[in-house]
Amino acid sequence: MLRLFKQSPKKREKSMNESDPKHYSNLPIEPWDFIQQNKLDFFEGNVVKYICRWKNKGGVDDLRKAITYIEKIIEGENSNE
């Protein structure tokens, strides 16, 4: 990934498009675009990412990862009460 930042902007854009994960190709919007546009934090963004890809990549393991991040969100909310 660091290699991408040393490239020219045009090369970097091409490299990023060529490396788009196949497990997101069937979605109308890329998870990272949704996450950014909705200003989600790290934990919320990871929930979206794992929920979007679980059927095409990680299966039940990705669902478990989403649960882990949801639990972190809940812990944060509970500590704010």
PDB file of N, CA and C in Angstrom:
ATOM      1  N   MET A   1       0.827  -1.193   0.000  1.00  0.00           N
ATOM      2  CA  MET A   1       0.000   0.000   0.000  1.00  0.00           C
ATOM      3  C   MET A   1       0.865   1.247   0.000  1.00  0.00           C
ATOM      4  N   LEU A   2       1.954   1.255   0.736  1.00  0.00           N
ATOM      5  CA  LEU A   2       2.836   2.406   0.774  1.00  0.00           C
ATOM      6  C   LEU A   2       3.339   2.733  -0.617  1.00  0.00           C
ATOM      7  N   ARG A   3       3.555   1.729  -1.423  1.00  0.00           N
ATOM      8  CA  ARG A   3       4.015   1.916  -2.794  1.00  0.00           C
ATOM      9  C   ARG A   3       3.079   2.834  -3.564  1.00  0.00           C
ATOM     10  N   LEU A   4       1.796   2.745  -3.319  1.00  0.00           N
ATOM     11  CA  LEU A   4       0.823   3.565  -4.032  1.00  0.00           C
ATOM     12  C   LEU A   4       1.034   5.049  -3.780  1.00  0.00           C
ATOM     13  N   PHE A   5       1.477   5.420  -2.601  1.00  0.00           N
ATOM     14  CA  PHE A   5       1.642   6.824  -2.275  1.00  0.00           C
ATOM     15  C   PHE A   5       2.887   7.427  -2.892  1.00  0.00           C
ATOM     16  N   LYS A   6       3.806   6.618  -3.395  1.00  0.00           N
ATOM     17  CA  LYS A   6       5.005   7.117  -4.049  1.00  0.00           C
ATOM     18  C   LYS A   6       4.789   7.290  -5.543  1.00  0.00           C
ATOM     19  N   GLN A   7       3.655   6.862  -6.059  1.00  0.00           N
ATOM     20  CA  GLN A   7       3.355   6.953  -7.483  1.00  0.00           C
ATOM     21  C   GLN A   7       2.714   8.297  -7.801  1.00  0.00           C
ATOM     22  N   SER A   8       2.732   8.643  -9.075  1.00  0.00           N
ATOM     23  CA  SER A   8       2.030   9.847  -9.509  1.00  0.00           C
ATOM     24  C   SER A   8       0.537   9.635  -9.293  1.00  0.00           C
ATOM     25  N   PRO A   9      -0.227  10.730  -9.168  1.00  0.00           N
ATOM     26  CA  PRO A   9      -1.681  10.574  -8.942  1.00  0.00           C
ATOM     27  C   PRO A   9      -2.378   9.726 -10.004  1.00  0.00           C
ATOM     28  N   LYS A  10      -1.985   9.881 -11.294  1.00  0.00           N
ATOM     29  CA  LYS A  10      -2.629   9.078 -12.342  1.00  0.00           C
ATOM     30  C   LYS A  10      -2.304   7.599 -12.177  1.00  0.00           C
ATOM     31  N   LYS A  11      -1.040   7.283 -11.910  1.00  0.00           N
ATOM     32  CA  LYS A  11      -0.649   5.882 -11.713  1.00  0.00           C
ATOM     33  C   LYS A  11      -1.338   5.311 -10.485  1.00  0.00           C
ATOM     34  N   ARG A  12      -1.403   6.118  -9.428  1.00  0.00           N
ATOM     35  CA  ARG A  12      -2.035   5.659  -8.194  1.00  0.00           C
ATOM     36  C   ARG A  12      -3.498   5.342  -8.443  1.00  0.00           C
ATOM     37  N   GLU A  13      -4.224   6.218  -9.151  1.00  0.00           N
ATOM     38  CA  GLU A  13      -5.642   5.989  -9.449  1.00  0.00           C
ATOM     39  C   GLU A  13      -5.820   4.704 -10.247  1.00  0.00           C
ATOM     40  N   LYS A  14      -4.973   4.480 -11.245  1.00  0.00           N
ATOM     41  CA  LYS A  14      -5.052   3.270 -12.048  1.00  0.00           C
ATOM     42  C   LYS A  14      -4.786   2.036 -11.183  1.00  0.00           C
ATOM     43  N   SER A  15      -3.771   2.101 -10.322  1.00  0.00           N
ATOM     44  CA  SER A  15      -3.436   0.965  -9.463  1.00  0.00           C
ATOM     45  C   SER A  15      -4.572   0.639  -8.513  1.00  0.00           C
ATOM     46  N   MET A  16      -5.197   1.671  -7.947  1.00  0.00           N
ATOM     47  CA  MET A  16      -6.285   1.438  -7.007  1.00  0.00           C
ATOM     48  C   MET A  16      -7.477   0.824  -7.722  1.00  0.00           C
ATOM     49  N   ASN A  17      -7.789   1.286  -8.939  1.00  0.00           N
ATOM     50  CA  ASN A  17      -8.907   0.721  -9.678  1.00  0.00           C
ATOM     51  C   ASN A  17      -8.634  -0.716 -10.089  1.00  0.00           C
ATOM     52  N   GLU A  18      -7.408  -1.023 -10.460  1.00  0.00           N
ATOM     53  CA  GLU A  18      -7.063  -2.385 -10.850  1.00  0.00           C
ATOM     54  C   GLU A  18      -7.103  -3.350  -9.677  1.00  0.00           C
ATOM     55  N   SER A  19      -6.926  -2.817  -8.473  1.00  0.00           N
ATOM     56  CA  SER A  19      -6.885  -3.694  -7.308  1.00  0.00           C
ATOM     57  C   SER A  19      -8.204  -3.712  -6.538  1.00  0.00           C
ATOM     58  N   ASP A  20      -9.264  -3.133  -7.105  1.00  0.00           N
ATOM     59  CA  ASP A  20     -10.564  -3.173  -6.434  1.00  0.00           C
ATOM     60  C   ASP A  20     -10.950  -4.620  -6.177  1.00  0.00           C
ATOM     61  N   PRO A  21     -11.293  -4.912  -4.932  1.00  0.00           N
ATOM     62  CA  PRO A  21     -11.646  -6.293  -4.590  1.00  0.00           C
ATOM     63  C   PRO A  21     -12.864  -6.794  -5.356  1.00  0.00           C
ATOM     64  N   LYS A  22     -12.793  -8.007  -5.835  1.00  0.00           N
ATOM     65  CA  LYS A  22     -13.892  -8.614  -6.598  1.00  0.00           C
ATOM     66  C   LYS A  22     -15.136  -8.821  -5.729  1.00  0.00           C
ATOM     67  N   HIS A  23     -14.934  -9.015  -4.412  1.00  0.00           N
ATOM     68  CA  HIS A  23     -16.073  -9.287  -3.543  1.00  0.00           C
ATOM     69  C   HIS A  23     -16.961  -8.058  -3.340  1.00  0.00           C
ATOM     70  N   TYR A  24     -16.566  -6.886  -3.843  1.00  0.00           N
ATOM     71  CA  TYR A  24     -17.413  -5.707  -3.792  1.00  0.00           C
ATOM     72  C   TYR A  24     -17.983  -5.353  -5.162  1.00  0.00           C
ATOM     73  N   SER A  25     -17.612  -6.075  -6.194  1.00  0.00           N
ATOM     74  CA  SER A  25     -17.978  -5.707  -7.567  1.00  0.00           C
ATOM     75  C   SER A  25     -19.482  -5.798  -7.845  1.00  0.00           C
ATOM     76  N   ASN A  26     -20.209  -6.572  -7.079  1.00  0.00           N
ATOM     77  CA  ASN A  26     -21.651  -6.696  -7.311  1.00  0.00           C
ATOM     78  C   ASN A  26     -22.467  -5.645  -6.566  1.00  0.00           C
ATOM     79  N   LEU A  27     -21.802  -4.760  -5.830  1.00  0.00           N
ATOM     80  CA  LEU A  27     -22.507  -3.743  -5.050  1.00  0.00           C
ATOM     81  C   LEU A  27     -22.659  -2.449  -5.847  1.00  0.00           C
ATOM     82  N   PRO A  28     -23.782  -1.749  -5.689  1.00  0.00           N
ATOM     83  CA  PRO A  28     -23.971  -0.496  -6.426  1.00  0.00           C
ATOM     84  C   PRO A  28     -23.065   0.639  -5.942  1.00  0.00           C
ATOM     85  N   ILE A  29     -22.583   0.560  -4.696  1.00  0.00           N
ATOM     86  CA  ILE A  29     -21.660   1.550  -4.159  1.00  0.00           C
ATOM     87  C   ILE A  29     -20.586   0.818  -3.361  1.00  0.00           C
ATOM     88  N   GLU A  30     -19.335   1.228  -3.543  1.00  0.00           N
ATOM     89  CA  GLU A  30     -18.231   0.618  -2.788  1.00  0.00           C
ATOM     90  C   GLU A  30     -18.402   0.945  -1.311  1.00  0.00           C
ATOM     91  N   PRO A  31     -18.151  -0.023  -0.419  1.00  0.00           N
ATOM     92  CA  PRO A  31     -18.277   0.255   1.010  1.00  0.00           C
ATOM     93  C   PRO A  31     -17.463   1.474   1.456  1.00  0.00           C
ATOM     94  N   TRP A  32     -16.239   1.657   0.934  1.00  0.00           N
ATOM     95  CA  TRP A  32     -15.437   2.796   1.402  1.00  0.00           C
ATOM     96  C   TRP A  32     -16.049   4.125   0.968  1.00  0.00           C
ATOM     97  N   ASP A  33     -16.754   4.143  -0.175  1.00  0.00           N
ATOM     98  CA  ASP A  33     -17.454   5.361  -0.580  1.00  0.00           C
ATOM     99  C   ASP A  33     -18.619   5.643   0.366  1.00  0.00           C
ATOM    100  N   PHE A  34     -19.390   4.605   0.700  1.00  0.00           N
ATOM    101  CA  PHE A  34     -20.509   4.742   1.634  1.00  0.00           C
ATOM    102  C   PHE A  34     -20.008   5.213   2.993  1.00  0.00           C
ATOM    103  N   ILE A  35     -18.929   4.601   3.477  1.00  0.00           N
ATOM    104  CA  ILE A  35     -18.355   4.933   4.784  1.00  0.00           C
ATOM    105  C   ILE A  35     -17.919   6.394   4.806  1.00  0.00           C
ATOM    106  N   GLN A  36     -17.218   6.813   3.773  1.00  0.00           N
ATOM    107  CA  GLN A  36     -16.725   8.186   3.713  1.00  0.00           C
ATOM    108  C   GLN A  36     -17.875   9.186   3.598  1.00  0.00           C
ATOM    109  N   GLN A  37     -18.815   8.932   2.707  1.00  0.00           N
ATOM    110  CA  GLN A  37     -19.918   9.871   2.490  1.00  0.00           C
ATOM    111  C   GLN A  37     -20.802  10.027   3.719  1.00  0.00           C
ATOM    112  N   ASN A  38     -20.877   8.991   4.526  1.00  0.00           N
ATOM    113  CA  ASN A  38     -21.701   9.034   5.731  1.00  0.00           C
ATOM    114  C   ASN A  38     -20.907   9.350   6.988  1.00  0.00           C
ATOM    115  N   LYS A  39     -19.608   9.642   6.805  1.00  0.00           N
ATOM    116  CA  LYS A  39     -18.724  10.039   7.911  1.00  0.00           C
ATOM    117  C   LYS A  39     -18.768   9.046   9.076  1.00  0.00           C
ATOM    118  N   LEU A  40     -18.691   7.753   8.735  1.00  0.00           N
ATOM    119  CA  LEU A  40     -18.698   6.721   9.763  1.00  0.00           C
ATOM    120  C   LEU A  40     -17.328   6.634  10.412  1.00  0.00           C
ATOM    121  N   ASP A  41     -17.315   6.294  11.688  1.00  0.00           N
ATOM    122  CA  ASP A  41     -16.028   6.133  12.362  1.00  0.00           C
ATOM    123  C   ASP A  41     -15.437   4.753  12.032  1.00  0.00           C
ATOM    124  N   PHE A  42     -14.281   4.457  12.598  1.00  0.00           N
ATOM    125  CA  PHE A  42     -13.561   3.228  12.293  1.00  0.00           C
ATOM    126  C   PHE A  42     -14.404   1.985  12.559  1.00  0.00           C
ATOM    127  N   PHE A  43     -15.016   1.915  13.734  1.00  0.00           N
ATOM    128  CA  PHE A  43     -15.790   0.728  14.096  1.00  0.00           C
ATOM    129  C   PHE A  43     -17.014   0.576  13.197  1.00  0.00           C
ATOM    130  N   GLU A  44     -17.737   1.666  12.981  1.00  0.00           N
ATOM    131  CA  GLU A  44     -18.924   1.625  12.119  1.00  0.00           C
ATOM    132  C   GLU A  44     -18.542   1.244  10.686  1.00  0.00           C
ATOM    133  N   GLY A  45     -17.449   1.796  10.208  1.00  0.00           N
ATOM    134  CA  GLY A  45     -16.986   1.487   8.860  1.00  0.00           C
ATOM    135  C   GLY A  45     -16.653   0.024   8.686  1.00  0.00           C
ATOM    136  N   ASN A  46     -16.044  -0.568   9.700  1.00  0.00           N
ATOM    137  CA  ASN A  46     -15.711  -1.990   9.616  1.00  0.00           C
ATOM    138  C   ASN A  46     -16.955  -2.863   9.643  1.00  0.00           C
ATOM    139  N   VAL A  47     -17.971  -2.449  10.375  1.00  0.00           N
ATOM    140  CA  VAL A  47     -19.240  -3.196  10.356  1.00  0.00           C
ATOM    141  C   VAL A  47     -19.791  -3.209   8.936  1.00  0.00           C
ATOM    142  N   VAL A  48     -19.821  -2.054   8.297  1.00  0.00           N
ATOM    143  CA  VAL A  48     -20.323  -1.954   6.924  1.00  0.00           C
ATOM    144  C   VAL A  48     -19.491  -2.838   5.996  1.00  0.00           C
ATOM    145  N   LYS A  49     -18.175  -2.737   6.105  1.00  0.00           N
ATOM    146  CA  LYS A  49     -17.279  -3.512   5.243  1.00  0.00           C
ATOM    147  C   LYS A  49     -17.540  -5.010   5.368  1.00  0.00           C
ATOM    148  N   TYR A  50     -17.591  -5.509   6.596  1.00  0.00           N
ATOM    149  CA  TYR A  50     -17.762  -6.952   6.779  1.00  0.00           C
ATOM    150  C   TYR A  50     -19.158  -7.435   6.404  1.00  0.00           C
ATOM    151  N   ILE A  51     -20.164  -6.622   6.659  1.00  0.00           N
ATOM    152  CA  ILE A  51     -21.521  -7.005   6.269  1.00  0.00           C
ATOM    153  C   ILE A  51     -21.643  -7.057   4.748  1.00  0.00           C
ATOM    154  N   CYS A  52     -21.010  -6.106   4.070  1.00  0.00           N
ATOM    155  CA  CYS A  52     -21.094  -6.060   2.601  1.00  0.00           C
ATOM    156  C   CYS A  52     -20.394  -7.230   1.923  1.00  0.00           C
ATOM    157  N   ARG A  53     -19.354  -7.743   2.537  1.00  0.00           N
ATOM    158  CA  ARG A  53     -18.557  -8.752   1.832  1.00  0.00           C
ATOM    159  C   ARG A  53     -18.746 -10.175   2.322  1.00  0.00           C
ATOM    160  N   TRP A  54     -19.499 -10.407   3.375  1.00  0.00           N
ATOM    161  CA  TRP A  54     -19.500 -11.719   4.006  1.00  0.00           C
ATOM    162  C   TRP A  54     -19.918 -12.842   3.068  1.00  0.00           C
ATOM    163  N   LYS A  55     -20.861 -12.605   2.185  1.00  0.00           N
ATOM    164  CA  LYS A  55     -21.330 -13.676   1.294  1.00  0.00           C
ATOM    165  C   LYS A  55     -20.312 -14.021   0.215  1.00  0.00           C
ATOM    166  N   ASN A  56     -19.493 -13.047  -0.175  1.00  0.00           N
ATOM    167  CA  ASN A  56     -18.569 -13.245  -1.293  1.00  0.00           C
ATOM    168  C   ASN A  56     -17.112 -13.407  -0.886  1.00  0.00           C
ATOM    169  N   LYS A  57     -16.822 -13.305   0.411  1.00  0.00           N
ATOM    170  CA  LYS A  57     -15.421 -13.443   0.806  1.00  0.00           C
ATOM    171  C   LYS A  57     -15.260 -14.287   2.062  1.00  0.00           C
ATOM    172  N   GLY A  58     -15.577 -13.721   3.210  1.00  0.00           N
ATOM    173  CA  GLY A  58     -15.215 -14.356   4.474  1.00  0.00           C
ATOM    174  C   GLY A  58     -16.253 -15.241   5.118  1.00  0.00           C
ATOM    175  N   GLY A  59     -17.459 -15.260   4.571  1.00  0.00           N
ATOM    176  CA  GLY A  59     -18.509 -16.098   5.141  1.00  0.00           C
ATOM    177  C   GLY A  59     -18.834 -15.719   6.577  1.00  0.00           C
ATOM    178  N   VAL A  60     -19.129 -16.709   7.370  1.00  0.00           N
ATOM    179  CA  VAL A  60     -19.527 -16.504   8.765  1.00  0.00           C
ATOM    180  C   VAL A  60     -18.424 -15.798   9.557  1.00  0.00           C
ATOM    181  N   ASP A  61     -17.162 -16.007   9.206  1.00  0.00           N
ATOM    182  CA  ASP A  61     -16.077 -15.304   9.898  1.00  0.00           C
ATOM    183  C   ASP A  61     -16.229 -13.790   9.773  1.00  0.00           C
ATOM    184  N   ASP A  62     -16.641 -13.318   8.604  1.00  0.00           N
ATOM    185  CA  ASP A  62     -16.858 -11.885   8.438  1.00  0.00           C
ATOM    186  C   ASP A  62     -18.038 -11.408   9.274  1.00  0.00           C
ATOM    187  N   LEU A  63     -19.069 -12.227   9.421  1.00  0.00           N
ATOM    188  CA  LEU A  63     -20.185 -11.859  10.293  1.00  0.00           C
ATOM    189  C   LEU A  63     -19.722 -11.752  11.741  1.00  0.00           C
ATOM    190  N   ARG A  64     -18.854 -12.653  12.158  1.00  0.00           N
ATOM    191  CA  ARG A  64     -18.305 -12.595  13.518  1.00  0.00           C
ATOM    192  C   ARG A  64     -17.472 -11.330  13.713  1.00  0.00           C
ATOM    193  N   LYS A  65     -16.721 -10.950  12.683  1.00  0.00           N
ATOM    194  CA  LYS A  65     -15.929  -9.719  12.769  1.00  0.00           C
ATOM    195  C   LYS A  65     -16.855  -8.517  12.896  1.00  0.00           C
ATOM    196  N   ALA A  66     -17.949  -8.509  12.136  1.00  0.00           N
ATOM    197  CA  ALA A  66     -18.919  -7.408  12.239  1.00  0.00           C
ATOM    198  C   ALA A  66     -19.477  -7.337  13.658  1.00  0.00           C
ATOM    199  N   ILE A  67     -19.792  -8.476  14.233  1.00  0.00           N
ATOM    200  CA  ILE A  67     -20.301  -8.518  15.609  1.00  0.00           C
ATOM    201  C   ILE A  67     -19.283  -7.938  16.577  1.00  0.00           C
ATOM    202  N   THR A  68     -18.008  -8.276  16.380  1.00  0.00           N
ATOM    203  CA  THR A  68     -16.942  -7.759  17.246  1.00  0.00           C
ATOM    204  C   THR A  68     -16.926  -6.234  17.218  1.00  0.00           C
ATOM    205  N   TYR A  69     -17.032  -5.651  16.020  1.00  0.00           N
ATOM    206  CA  TYR A  69     -17.030  -4.194  15.918  1.00  0.00           C
ATOM    207  C   TYR A  69     -18.309  -3.590  16.496  1.00  0.00           C
ATOM    208  N   ILE A  70     -19.440  -4.264  16.330  1.00  0.00           N
ATOM    209  CA  ILE A  70     -20.678  -3.779  16.942  1.00  0.00           C
ATOM    210  C   ILE A  70     -20.545  -3.786  18.466  1.00  0.00           C
ATOM    211  N   GLU A  71     -19.933  -4.824  19.004  1.00  0.00           N
ATOM    212  CA  GLU A  71     -19.722  -4.888  20.456  1.00  0.00           C
ATOM    213  C   GLU A  71     -18.827  -3.748  20.933  1.00  0.00           C
ATOM    214  N   LYS A  72     -17.817  -3.366  20.138  1.00  0.00           N
ATOM    215  CA  LYS A  72     -16.953  -2.237  20.494  1.00  0.00           C
ATOM    216  C   LYS A  72     -17.759  -0.934  20.502  1.00  0.00           C
ATOM    217  N   ILE A  73     -18.667  -0.785  19.548  1.00  0.00           N
ATOM    218  CA  ILE A  73     -19.524   0.415  19.517  1.00  0.00           C
ATOM    219  C   ILE A  73     -20.385   0.455  20.778  1.00  0.00           C
ATOM    220  N   ILE A  74     -20.965  -0.684  21.138  1.00  0.00           N
ATOM    221  CA  ILE A  74     -21.811  -0.768  22.338  1.00  0.00           C
ATOM    222  C   ILE A  74     -21.000  -0.448  23.585  1.00  0.00           C
ATOM    223  N   GLU A  75     -19.780  -0.978  23.684  1.00  0.00           N
ATOM    224  CA  GLU A  75     -18.914  -0.683  24.835  1.00  0.00           C
ATOM    225  C   GLU A  75     -18.669   0.814  24.948  1.00  0.00           C
ATOM    226  N   GLY A  76     -18.416   1.453  23.827  1.00  0.00           N
ATOM    227  CA  GLY A  76     -18.193   2.898  23.830  1.00  0.00           C
ATOM    228  C   GLY A  76     -19.425   3.670  24.283  1.00  0.00           C
ATOM    229  N   GLU A  77     -20.578   3.220  23.839  1.00  0.00           N
ATOM    230  CA  GLU A  77     -21.826   3.867  24.244  1.00  0.00           C
ATOM    231  C   GLU A  77     -22.081   3.669  25.731  1.00  0.00           C
ATOM    232  N   ASN A  78     -21.813   2.466  26.220  1.00  0.00           N
ATOM    233  CA  ASN A  78     -22.032   2.180  27.644  1.00  0.00           C
ATOM    234  C   ASN A  78     -21.089   2.999  28.529  1.00  0.00           C
ATOM    235  N   SER A  79     -19.887   3.266  28.052  1.00  0.00           N
ATOM    236  CA  SER A  79     -18.936   4.041  28.858  1.00  0.00           C
ATOM    237  C   SER A  79     -19.296   5.524  28.856  1.00  0.00           C
ATOM    238  N   ASN A  80     -20.145   5.954  27.915  1.00  0.00           N
ATOM    239  CA  ASN A  80     -20.585   7.349  27.855  1.00  0.00           C
ATOM    240  C   ASN A  80     -21.809   7.619  28.725  1.00  0.00           C
ATOM    241  N   GLU A  81     -22.423   6.562  29.257  1.00  0.00           N
ATOM    242  CA  GLU A  81     -23.659   6.739  30.062  1.00  0.00           C
ATOM    243  C   GLU A  81     -23.334   7.124  31.482  1.00  0.00           C
TER     244      GLU A  81
END
